[in-house]
């Protein structure tokens, strides 16, 4: 019962706030608002797509990987008492594998952004 009231309350509040915003927001369009953009840079300045090195993408993927692994560790730590000794050792092995992967990344220099890795988008 309480969850249903909460869901209805959230939906009603969302509809009311969206309606008030649509009614009261200024609707003035100008050339700058209607112009196409990609990166927030002015297209007049020339090339709007700056080349990024592969290292930036590798760091982003590795951050996502480690972020998700930490998200998996948190619930296990919170419920460690219920998991018992078996859960503790599984979590320890998982953490050691995670640490080993991080040491491997440091050793291979993946996280070194100044190594001069070639860019994905080569300018002409």
C-alpha atoms as a PDB file:
ATOM      1  CA  UNK A   1       0.000   0.000   0.000  1.00  0.00           C
ATOM      2  CA  UNK A   2       2.728   2.473   0.953  1.00  0.00           C
ATOM      3  CA  UNK A   3       4.784   1.670  -2.151  1.00  0.00           C
ATOM      4  CA  UNK A   4       1.764   2.242  -4.392  1.00  0.00           C
ATOM      5  CA  UNK A   5       1.106   5.634  -2.780  1.00  0.00           C
ATOM      6  CA  UNK A   6       4.754   6.573  -3.253  1.00  0.00           C
ATOM      7  CA  UNK A   7       4.725   5.586  -6.936  1.00  0.00           C
ATOM      8  CA  UNK A   8       1.530   7.555  -7.562  1.00  0.00           C
ATOM      9  CA  UNK A   9       2.976  10.547  -5.694  1.00  0.00           C
ATOM     10  CA  UNK A  10       6.185  10.487  -7.769  1.00  0.00           C
ATOM     11  CA  UNK A  11       4.268  10.235 -11.048  1.00  0.00           C
ATOM     12  CA  UNK A  12       1.931  13.107 -10.091  1.00  0.00           C
ATOM     13  CA  UNK A  13       4.836  15.318  -8.980  1.00  0.00           C
ATOM     14  CA  UNK A  14       6.735  14.580 -12.210  1.00  0.00           C
ATOM     15  CA  UNK A  15       3.717  15.454 -14.360  1.00  0.00           C
ATOM     16  CA  UNK A  16       3.046  18.655 -12.414  1.00  0.00           C
ATOM     17  CA  UNK A  17       6.669  19.815 -12.599  1.00  0.00           C
ATOM     18  CA  UNK A  18       6.964  19.054 -16.319  1.00  0.00           C
ATOM     19  CA  UNK A  19       3.687  20.870 -17.009  1.00  0.00           C
ATOM     20  CA  UNK A  20       4.670  23.948 -15.013  1.00  0.00           C
ATOM     21  CA  UNK A  21       8.051  24.024 -16.750  1.00  0.00           C
ATOM     22  CA  UNK A  22       6.446  23.755 -20.208  1.00  0.00           C
ATOM     23  CA  UNK A  23       3.959  26.533 -19.418  1.00  0.00           C
ATOM     24  CA  UNK A  24       6.297  29.005 -17.732  1.00  0.00           C
ATOM     25  CA  UNK A  25       9.559  28.493 -19.658  1.00  0.00           C
ATOM     26  CA  UNK A  26      10.461  31.148 -22.243  1.00  0.00           C
ATOM     27  CA  UNK A  27      10.058  29.927 -25.819  1.00  0.00           C
ATOM     28  CA  UNK A  28      12.325  32.331 -27.691  1.00  0.00           C
ATOM     29  CA  UNK A  29      14.373  30.740 -30.442  1.00  0.00           C
ATOM     30  CA  UNK A  30      17.318  32.486 -32.048  1.00  0.00           C
ATOM     31  CA  UNK A  31      19.927  31.517 -34.636  1.00  0.00           C
ATOM     32  CA  UNK A  32      22.427  30.344 -32.018  1.00  0.00           C
ATOM     33  CA  UNK A  33      19.926  27.977 -30.361  1.00  0.00           C
ATOM     34  CA  UNK A  34      18.842  26.525 -33.697  1.00  0.00           C
ATOM     35  CA  UNK A  35      22.380  26.002 -35.044  1.00  0.00           C
ATOM     36  CA  UNK A  36      23.824  22.513 -35.167  1.00  0.00           C
ATOM     37  CA  UNK A  37      26.625  21.642 -32.758  1.00  0.00           C
ATOM     38  CA  UNK A  38      28.502  18.558 -31.704  1.00  0.00           C
ATOM     39  CA  UNK A  39      31.033  19.422 -29.056  1.00  0.00           C
ATOM     40  CA  UNK A  40      29.956  22.868 -27.954  1.00  0.00           C
ATOM     41  CA  UNK A  41      32.718  24.449 -30.043  1.00  0.00           C
ATOM     42  CA  UNK A  42      31.880  26.992 -32.698  1.00  0.00           C
ATOM     43  CA  UNK A  43      31.837  25.494 -36.179  1.00  0.00           C
ATOM     44  CA  UNK A  44      33.238  28.750 -37.547  1.00  0.00           C
ATOM     45  CA  UNK A  45      36.650  27.990 -36.054  1.00  0.00           C
ATOM     46  CA  UNK A  46      37.162  25.082 -38.436  1.00  0.00           C
ATOM     47  CA  UNK A  47      37.551  21.479 -37.366  1.00  0.00           C
ATOM     48  CA  UNK A  48      35.218  20.752 -34.453  1.00  0.00           C
ATOM     49  CA  UNK A  49      36.349  17.155 -34.028  1.00  0.00           C
ATOM     50  CA  UNK A  50      39.590  17.058 -32.123  1.00  0.00           C
ATOM     51  CA  UNK A  51      41.559  13.805 -32.371  1.00  0.00           C
ATOM     52  CA  UNK A  52      41.655  11.732 -29.196  1.00  0.00           C
ATOM     53  CA  UNK A  53      44.365   9.243 -28.479  1.00  0.00           C
ATOM     54  CA  UNK A  54      43.548   5.589 -27.941  1.00  0.00           C
ATOM     55  CA  UNK A  55      44.836   5.948 -24.384  1.00  0.00           C
ATOM     56  CA  UNK A  56      41.836   8.063 -23.415  1.00  0.00           C
ATOM     57  CA  UNK A  57      39.468   5.324 -24.570  1.00  0.00           C
ATOM     58  CA  UNK A  58      41.492   2.674 -22.728  1.00  0.00           C
ATOM     59  CA  UNK A  59      41.353   4.677 -19.508  1.00  0.00           C
ATOM     60  CA  UNK A  60      37.585   5.126 -19.938  1.00  0.00           C
ATOM     61  CA  UNK A  61      37.034   1.391 -20.473  1.00  0.00           C
ATOM     62  CA  UNK A  62      39.282   0.483 -17.551  1.00  0.00           C
ATOM     63  CA  UNK A  63      37.510   2.990 -15.312  1.00  0.00           C
ATOM     64  CA  UNK A  64      34.175   1.456 -16.251  1.00  0.00           C
ATOM     65  CA  UNK A  65      35.518  -2.035 -15.589  1.00  0.00           C
ATOM     66  CA  UNK A  66      36.901  -1.192 -12.147  1.00  0.00           C
ATOM     67  CA  UNK A  67      33.845   0.871 -11.260  1.00  0.00           C
ATOM     68  CA  UNK A  68      31.570  -2.089 -11.987  1.00  0.00           C
ATOM     69  CA  UNK A  69      33.810  -4.420 -10.013  1.00  0.00           C
ATOM     70  CA  UNK A  70      33.667  -2.111  -7.013  1.00  0.00           C
ATOM     71  CA  UNK A  71      29.890  -2.050  -7.403  1.00  0.00           C
ATOM     72  CA  UNK A  72      29.966  -5.856  -7.088  1.00  0.00           C
ATOM     73  CA  UNK A  73      32.252  -5.767  -4.051  1.00  0.00           C
ATOM     74  CA  UNK A  74      30.091  -3.368  -2.025  1.00  0.00           C
ATOM     75  CA  UNK A  75      27.028  -5.648  -1.556  1.00  0.00           C
ATOM     76  CA  UNK A  76      29.283  -8.566  -0.632  1.00  0.00           C
ATOM     77  CA  UNK A  77      31.031  -6.512   2.043  1.00  0.00           C
ATOM     78  CA  UNK A  78      27.721  -5.300   3.459  1.00  0.00           C
ATOM     79  CA  UNK A  79      26.406  -8.854   3.737  1.00  0.00           C
ATOM     80  CA  UNK A  80      29.712 -10.457   4.707  1.00  0.00           C
ATOM     81  CA  UNK A  81      28.356 -11.699   8.019  1.00  0.00           C
ATOM     82  CA  UNK A  82      25.609 -13.640   6.241  1.00  0.00           C
ATOM     83  CA  UNK A  83      28.054 -15.016   3.643  1.00  0.00           C
ATOM     84  CA  UNK A  84      30.332 -16.506   6.257  1.00  0.00           C
ATOM     85  CA  UNK A  85      33.874 -17.751   5.806  1.00  0.00           C
ATOM     86  CA  UNK A  86      33.231 -19.102   2.296  1.00  0.00           C
ATOM     87  CA  UNK A  87      32.002 -15.698   1.147  1.00  0.00           C
ATOM     88  CA  UNK A  88      35.004 -14.039   2.747  1.00  0.00           C
ATOM     89  CA  UNK A  89      37.447 -16.221   0.808  1.00  0.00           C
ATOM     90  CA  UNK A  90      35.567 -15.759  -2.468  1.00  0.00           C
ATOM     91  CA  UNK A  91      35.657 -11.989  -1.916  1.00  0.00           C
ATOM     92  CA  UNK A  92      39.367 -12.179  -1.087  1.00  0.00           C
ATOM     93  CA  UNK A  93      40.133 -14.085  -4.300  1.00  0.00           C
ATOM     94  CA  UNK A  94      38.041 -11.592  -6.294  1.00  0.00           C
ATOM     95  CA  UNK A  95      39.882  -8.679  -4.703  1.00  0.00           C
ATOM     96  CA  UNK A  96      43.274 -10.300  -5.383  1.00  0.00           C
ATOM     97  CA  UNK A  97      42.342 -10.800  -9.044  1.00  0.00           C
ATOM     98  CA  UNK A  98      41.233  -7.178  -9.220  1.00  0.00           C
ATOM     99  CA  UNK A  99      44.507  -6.023  -7.666  1.00  0.00           C
ATOM    100  CA  UNK A 100      46.495  -8.263 -10.015  1.00  0.00           C
ATOM    101  CA  UNK A 101      44.740  -6.754 -13.019  1.00  0.00           C
ATOM    102  CA  UNK A 102      45.501  -3.267 -11.795  1.00  0.00           C
ATOM    103  CA  UNK A 103      49.172  -4.112 -11.244  1.00  0.00           C
ATOM    104  CA  UNK A 104      49.291  -5.613 -14.759  1.00  0.00           C
ATOM    105  CA  UNK A 105      47.840  -2.393 -16.197  1.00  0.00           C
ATOM    106  CA  UNK A 106      50.414  -0.324 -14.339  1.00  0.00           C
ATOM    107  CA  UNK A 107      53.199  -2.615 -15.509  1.00  0.00           C
ATOM    108  CA  UNK A 108      52.221  -2.508 -19.186  1.00  0.00           C
ATOM    109  CA  UNK A 109      51.851   1.282 -19.131  1.00  0.00           C
ATOM    110  CA  UNK A 110      48.216   1.392 -20.223  1.00  0.00           C
ATOM    111  CA  UNK A 111      47.484   4.194 -17.789  1.00  0.00           C
ATOM    112  CA  UNK A 112      50.420   6.318 -19.024  1.00  0.00           C
ATOM    113  CA  UNK A 113      48.731   9.007 -21.118  1.00  0.00           C
ATOM    114  CA  UNK A 114      52.003  10.615 -22.194  1.00  0.00           C
ATOM    115  CA  UNK A 115      53.354   7.613 -24.098  1.00  0.00           C
ATOM    116  CA  UNK A 116      52.432   9.071 -27.500  1.00  0.00           C
ATOM    117  CA  UNK A 117      49.844   6.518 -28.560  1.00  0.00           C
ATOM    118  CA  UNK A 118      48.571   7.132 -32.095  1.00  0.00           C
ATOM    119  CA  UNK A 119      45.243   8.886 -32.462  1.00  0.00           C
ATOM    120  CA  UNK A 120      42.050   7.297 -33.765  1.00  0.00           C
ATOM    121  CA  UNK A 121      40.982  10.334 -35.808  1.00  0.00           C
ATOM    122  CA  UNK A 122      43.889  11.419 -37.974  1.00  0.00           C
ATOM    123  CA  UNK A 123      43.607  14.930 -39.347  1.00  0.00           C
ATOM    124  CA  UNK A 124      44.622  15.589 -42.922  1.00  0.00           C
END
